[in-house]
Amino acid sequence: MEFQSETLADEELATITGYQIPSKQILWLTENRWEFVLTGARRPIVGRVYARLKLAGVKPSAVNAVTETWSLDLANVS
């Protein structure tokens, strides 16, 4: 099983924004009202859960961005 980072990879961010250059990515993210943070090198960082919600047309919030905990219930399996 492959582990995915909590943040989008550079390639994923470039695919979403259409830009490789960080300053252009920042401009696109700002114009399209995406939340992001900047690294010390001024590269934008976008959370993976946030991006999934945004791309699904859901307005991300603290409530719907929390991953639900679940447990396996085999009570009805025969």
N, C-alpha and C. Protein backbone atom coordinates (compact mmCIF):
# COMPACT_ATOMS: atom_id res chain seq x y z
N MET A 1 0.85 -1.18 0.00
CA MET A 1 0.00 0.00 0.00
C MET A 1 0.90 1.24 0.00
N GLU A 2 0.59 2.15 -0.87
CA GLU A 2 1.38 3.38 -0.99
C GLU A 2 0.83 4.45 -0.06
N PHE A 3 1.73 5.11 0.66
CA PHE A 3 1.36 6.19 1.58
C PHE A 3 1.33 7.51 0.81
N GLN A 4 0.24 8.27 0.95
CA GLN A 4 0.16 9.58 0.33
C GLN A 4 0.43 10.65 1.37
N SER A 5 1.16 11.66 0.96
CA SER A 5 1.46 12.78 1.83
C SER A 5 0.18 13.55 2.16
N GLU A 6 0.21 14.25 3.27
CA GLU A 6 -0.93 15.09 3.66
C GLU A 6 -1.04 16.33 2.78
N THR A 7 0.00 16.61 2.01
CA THR A 7 -0.01 17.77 1.11
C THR A 7 0.19 17.31 -0.32
N LEU A 8 -0.26 18.13 -1.26
CA LEU A 8 -0.10 17.80 -2.66
C LEU A 8 1.37 17.87 -3.08
N ALA A 9 1.76 16.95 -3.95
CA ALA A 9 3.11 16.97 -4.51
C ALA A 9 3.21 18.11 -5.52
N ASP A 10 4.43 18.51 -5.83
CA ASP A 10 4.65 19.60 -6.80
C ASP A 10 3.93 19.31 -8.13
N GLU A 11 3.99 18.06 -8.59
CA GLU A 11 3.37 17.69 -9.86
C GLU A 11 1.85 17.83 -9.80
N GLU A 12 1.27 17.45 -8.65
CA GLU A 12 -0.17 17.56 -8.49
C GLU A 12 -0.61 19.02 -8.49
N LEU A 13 0.13 19.85 -7.82
CA LEU A 13 -0.19 21.28 -7.79
C LEU A 13 -0.06 21.89 -9.18
N ALA A 14 0.93 21.46 -9.92
CA ALA A 14 1.11 21.96 -11.30
C ALA A 14 -0.04 21.50 -12.19
N THR A 15 -0.53 20.29 -11.97
CA THR A 15 -1.66 19.79 -12.75
C THR A 15 -2.91 20.59 -12.47
N ILE A 16 -3.16 20.90 -11.21
CA ILE A 16 -4.35 21.66 -10.84
C ILE A 16 -4.28 23.10 -11.35
N THR A 17 -3.14 23.75 -11.14
CA THR A 17 -3.04 25.17 -11.50
C THR A 17 -2.70 25.38 -12.98
N GLY A 18 -2.05 24.39 -13.58
CA GLY A 18 -1.60 24.56 -14.96
C GLY A 18 -0.26 25.27 -15.06
N TYR A 19 0.39 25.49 -13.91
CA TYR A 19 1.65 26.22 -13.88
C TYR A 19 2.72 25.47 -13.10
N GLN A 20 3.96 25.54 -13.56
CA GLN A 20 5.11 24.98 -12.86
C GLN A 20 5.76 26.01 -11.94
N ILE A 21 5.68 27.28 -12.32
CA ILE A 21 6.35 28.36 -11.59
C ILE A 21 5.53 28.72 -10.34
N PRO A 22 6.15 28.67 -9.16
CA PRO A 22 5.42 28.94 -7.91
C PRO A 22 4.66 30.26 -7.89
N SER A 23 5.22 31.33 -8.43
CA SER A 23 4.52 32.62 -8.41
C SER A 23 3.23 32.56 -9.22
N LYS A 24 3.24 31.82 -10.32
CA LYS A 24 2.03 31.65 -11.14
C LYS A 24 1.03 30.75 -10.41
N GLN A 25 1.53 29.73 -9.70
CA GLN A 25 0.65 28.87 -8.92
C GLN A 25 -0.04 29.68 -7.83
N ILE A 26 0.71 30.54 -7.16
CA ILE A 26 0.16 31.39 -6.09
C ILE A 26 -0.93 32.29 -6.66
N LEU A 27 -0.69 32.87 -7.82
CA LEU A 27 -1.67 33.74 -8.46
C LEU A 27 -2.94 32.96 -8.78
N TRP A 28 -2.80 31.75 -9.36
CA TRP A 28 -3.95 30.93 -9.70
C TRP A 28 -4.73 30.54 -8.44
N LEU A 29 -4.01 30.09 -7.42
CA LEU A 29 -4.67 29.69 -6.17
C LEU A 29 -5.43 30.85 -5.54
N THR A 30 -4.83 32.03 -5.54
CA THR A 30 -5.48 33.21 -4.98
C THR A 30 -6.71 33.60 -5.78
N GLU A 31 -6.60 33.63 -7.10
CA GLU A 31 -7.72 34.01 -7.96
C GLU A 31 -8.88 33.03 -7.86
N ASN A 32 -8.57 31.77 -7.59
CA ASN A 32 -9.61 30.74 -7.50
C ASN A 32 -10.02 30.43 -6.07
N ARG A 33 -9.59 31.28 -5.15
CA ARG A 33 -9.97 31.22 -3.73
C ARG A 33 -9.62 29.89 -3.06
N TRP A 34 -8.42 29.41 -3.32
CA TRP A 34 -7.91 28.21 -2.65
C TRP A 34 -7.08 28.64 -1.46
N GLU A 35 -7.19 27.92 -0.35
CA GLU A 35 -6.36 28.15 0.82
C GLU A 35 -5.02 27.46 0.61
N PHE A 36 -3.95 28.11 1.00
CA PHE A 36 -2.62 27.53 0.90
C PHE A 36 -1.70 28.25 1.87
N VAL A 37 -0.56 27.64 2.12
CA VAL A 37 0.48 28.29 2.92
C VAL A 37 1.74 28.31 2.07
N LEU A 38 2.65 29.18 2.43
CA LEU A 38 3.91 29.29 1.69
C LEU A 38 5.06 28.73 2.51
N THR A 39 5.95 28.04 1.83
CA THR A 39 7.17 27.59 2.48
C THR A 39 8.12 28.78 2.60
N GLY A 40 9.24 28.57 3.26
CA GLY A 40 10.24 29.62 3.36
C GLY A 40 10.79 30.02 1.99
N ALA A 41 10.71 29.09 1.04
CA ALA A 41 11.17 29.36 -0.33
C ALA A 41 10.04 29.94 -1.19
N ARG A 42 8.93 30.31 -0.56
CA ARG A 42 7.76 30.89 -1.23
C ARG A 42 7.13 29.96 -2.26
N ARG A 43 7.05 28.68 -1.90
CA ARG A 43 6.34 27.69 -2.71
C ARG A 43 5.01 27.41 -2.02
N PRO A 44 3.91 27.36 -2.78
CA PRO A 44 2.61 27.11 -2.16
C PRO A 44 2.45 25.65 -1.74
N ILE A 45 1.81 25.45 -0.60
CA ILE A 45 1.51 24.12 -0.09
C ILE A 45 0.00 24.03 0.10
N VAL A 46 -0.61 22.96 -0.46
CA VAL A 46 -2.05 22.76 -0.36
C VAL A 46 -2.29 21.39 0.27
N GLY A 47 -3.18 21.35 1.25
CA GLY A 47 -3.52 20.09 1.91
C GLY A 47 -4.29 19.16 0.98
N ARG A 48 -4.01 17.87 1.09
CA ARG A 48 -4.65 16.87 0.23
C ARG A 48 -6.16 16.77 0.46
N VAL A 49 -6.60 16.73 1.72
CA VAL A 49 -8.04 16.64 2.01
C VAL A 49 -8.74 17.89 1.50
N TYR A 50 -8.14 19.04 1.73
CA TYR A 50 -8.71 20.31 1.26
C TYR A 50 -8.88 20.27 -0.26
N ALA A 51 -7.84 19.83 -0.98
CA ALA A 51 -7.90 19.79 -2.44
C ALA A 51 -8.99 18.84 -2.92
N ARG A 52 -9.13 17.69 -2.27
CA ARG A 52 -10.17 16.73 -2.67
C ARG A 52 -11.56 17.33 -2.50
N LEU A 53 -11.78 18.00 -1.38
CA LEU A 53 -13.08 18.64 -1.16
C LEU A 53 -13.32 19.74 -2.18
N LYS A 54 -12.33 20.56 -2.41
CA LYS A 54 -12.45 21.67 -3.34
C LYS A 54 -12.76 21.16 -4.75
N LEU A 55 -12.05 20.13 -5.18
CA LEU A 55 -12.26 19.58 -6.52
C LEU A 55 -13.61 18.87 -6.64
N ALA A 56 -14.17 18.44 -5.53
CA ALA A 56 -15.48 17.78 -5.53
C ALA A 56 -16.62 18.80 -5.46
N GLY A 57 -16.28 20.08 -5.35
CA GLY A 57 -17.30 21.11 -5.29
C GLY A 57 -17.86 21.35 -3.91
N VAL A 58 -17.17 20.81 -2.89
CA VAL A 58 -17.59 20.99 -1.50
C VAL A 58 -16.80 22.14 -0.91
N LYS A 59 -17.48 23.04 -0.20
CA LYS A 59 -16.77 24.13 0.44
C LYS A 59 -16.07 23.58 1.67
N PRO A 60 -14.74 23.48 1.64
CA PRO A 60 -14.01 22.91 2.77
C PRO A 60 -14.21 23.72 4.05
N SER A 61 -14.40 23.00 5.15
CA SER A 61 -14.51 23.63 6.46
C SER A 61 -13.89 22.69 7.48
N ALA A 62 -13.76 23.17 8.69
CA ALA A 62 -13.18 22.33 9.75
C ALA A 62 -14.06 21.11 10.00
N VAL A 63 -15.35 21.23 9.80
CA VAL A 63 -16.27 20.12 10.06
C VAL A 63 -16.12 19.01 9.03
N ASN A 64 -16.15 19.34 7.74
CA ASN A 64 -16.11 18.28 6.73
C ASN A 64 -14.69 17.87 6.33
N ALA A 65 -13.68 18.53 6.85
CA ALA A 65 -12.31 18.17 6.53
C ALA A 65 -11.73 17.15 7.50
N VAL A 66 -12.43 16.88 8.58
CA VAL A 66 -11.95 15.92 9.57
C VAL A 66 -12.25 14.51 9.07
N THR A 67 -11.25 13.68 9.09
CA THR A 67 -11.44 12.30 8.68
C THR A 67 -12.22 11.57 9.76
N GLU A 68 -13.28 10.90 9.33
CA GLU A 68 -14.10 10.15 10.28
C GLU A 68 -13.35 8.91 10.75
N THR A 69 -13.51 8.62 12.03
CA THR A 69 -12.97 7.36 12.55
C THR A 69 -14.03 6.30 12.33
N TRP A 70 -13.60 5.10 12.08
CA TRP A 70 -14.53 4.02 11.84
C TRP A 70 -13.99 2.73 12.40
N SER A 71 -14.86 1.79 12.57
CA SER A 71 -14.43 0.46 13.00
C SER A 71 -15.16 -0.57 12.15
N LEU A 72 -14.54 -1.71 11.98
CA LEU A 72 -15.11 -2.78 11.18
C LEU A 72 -16.21 -3.46 11.96
N ASP A 73 -17.42 -3.49 11.41
CA ASP A 73 -18.56 -4.10 12.06
C ASP A 73 -18.99 -5.33 11.26
N LEU A 74 -18.69 -6.48 11.77
CA LEU A 74 -19.03 -7.74 11.10
C LEU A 74 -20.26 -8.41 11.71
N ALA A 75 -21.04 -7.68 12.47
CA ALA A 75 -22.19 -8.23 13.18
C ALA A 75 -23.22 -8.83 12.22
N ASN A 76 -23.39 -8.24 11.05
CA ASN A 76 -24.42 -8.71 10.11
C ASN A 76 -23.88 -9.62 9.01
N VAL A 77 -22.66 -10.05 9.13
CA VAL A 77 -22.06 -10.93 8.13
C VAL A 77 -22.31 -12.38 8.54
N SER A 78 -22.79 -13.16 7.60
CA SER A 78 -23.01 -14.58 7.94
C SER A 78 -22.12 -15.50 7.16
